[in-house]
Amino acid sequence: MKLTDKEQEAYEFIKRYIDTHGYSPTTREISHSIGFSTQRTGSKYMEKLKKKGYINYTAGLGRTITINKLPTP
């Protein structure tokens, strides 16, 4: 599934963050990276990315986001 511009921005931030730090960002860090002030916005983007198959995470646990291997088109 194709990502919106903001979803792509959130996805790229998550990938860079994991590559840099070795663990995933918080929902607050995701929200801040895409220009929103509420933590809920980060959660919504995480839900969208998970539904589209780009990431996986365990709800209720911090820093559990993993990047899914996507098939090459």
Protein backbone atom coordinates (compact mmCIF):
# COMPACT_ATOMS: atom_id res chain seq x y z
CA MET A 1 0.00 0.00 0.00
CA LYS A 2 1.19 3.50 -0.82
CA LEU A 3 1.94 5.92 2.00
CA THR A 4 0.76 9.51 2.31
CA ASP A 5 3.46 12.17 2.57
CA LYS A 6 3.10 12.39 6.38
CA GLU A 7 3.08 8.59 6.74
CA GLN A 8 6.25 8.43 4.62
CA GLU A 9 7.82 11.13 6.78
CA ALA A 10 6.97 9.20 9.97
CA TYR A 11 8.22 5.93 8.46
CA GLU A 12 11.52 7.46 7.37
CA PHE A 13 11.98 9.03 10.81
CA ILE A 14 11.39 5.67 12.52
CA LYS A 15 13.90 3.94 10.21
CA ARG A 16 16.56 6.63 10.75
CA TYR A 17 15.99 6.64 14.50
CA ILE A 18 16.37 2.87 14.78
CA ASP A 19 19.50 2.95 12.59
CA THR A 20 21.03 5.72 14.70
CA HIS A 21 20.04 4.64 18.22
CA GLY A 22 19.53 0.88 17.92
CA TYR A 23 16.01 1.09 19.34
CA SER A 24 12.74 2.64 18.23
CA PRO A 25 11.44 6.15 18.99
CA THR A 26 8.56 6.93 21.30
CA THR A 27 5.20 8.12 19.97
CA ARG A 28 6.04 11.57 21.34
CA GLU A 29 9.29 11.64 19.34
CA ILE A 30 7.43 10.54 16.20
CA SER A 31 4.80 13.27 16.70
CA HIS A 32 7.46 15.92 17.22
CA SER A 33 9.41 14.79 14.14
CA ILE A 34 6.42 15.31 11.84
CA GLY A 35 5.43 18.63 13.39
CA PHE A 36 2.61 17.73 15.77
CA SER A 37 2.44 18.51 19.47
CA THR A 38 0.24 15.66 20.72
CA GLN A 39 1.45 12.16 21.43
CA ARG A 40 -1.82 10.75 20.04
CA THR A 41 -0.87 11.92 16.55
CA GLY A 42 2.25 9.75 16.66
CA SER A 43 0.10 6.82 17.76
CA LYS A 44 -2.28 7.34 14.84
CA TYR A 45 0.59 7.29 12.34
CA MET A 46 2.01 4.16 13.97
CA GLU A 47 -1.40 2.48 13.63
CA LYS A 48 -1.61 3.44 9.95
CA LEU A 49 1.91 2.18 9.23
CA LYS A 50 1.19 -1.09 11.04
CA LYS A 51 -2.09 -1.58 9.17
CA LYS A 52 -0.28 -1.04 5.85
CA GLY A 53 2.40 -3.56 6.85
CA TYR A 54 5.39 -1.20 7.12
CA ILE A 55 6.02 -1.62 10.85
CA ASN A 56 5.10 -3.82 13.76
CA TYR A 57 4.92 -3.04 17.48
CA THR A 58 3.40 -4.24 20.72
CA ALA A 59 0.74 -1.84 21.99
CA GLY A 60 1.26 -0.70 25.56
CA LEU A 61 5.00 -1.34 25.55
CA GLY A 62 7.52 1.39 24.82
CA ARG A 63 10.12 1.31 22.06
CA THR A 64 8.94 -1.93 20.44
CA ILE A 65 8.60 -0.73 16.84
CA THR A 66 10.27 -2.92 14.24
CA ILE A 67 10.54 -2.30 10.51
CA ASN A 68 8.97 -5.02 8.36
CA LYS A 69 10.78 -6.34 5.31
CA LEU A 70 8.67 -5.27 2.36
CA PRO A 71 8.65 -7.13 -0.93
CA THR A 72 10.43 -5.40 -3.77
CA PRO A 73 7.91 -4.33 -6.46
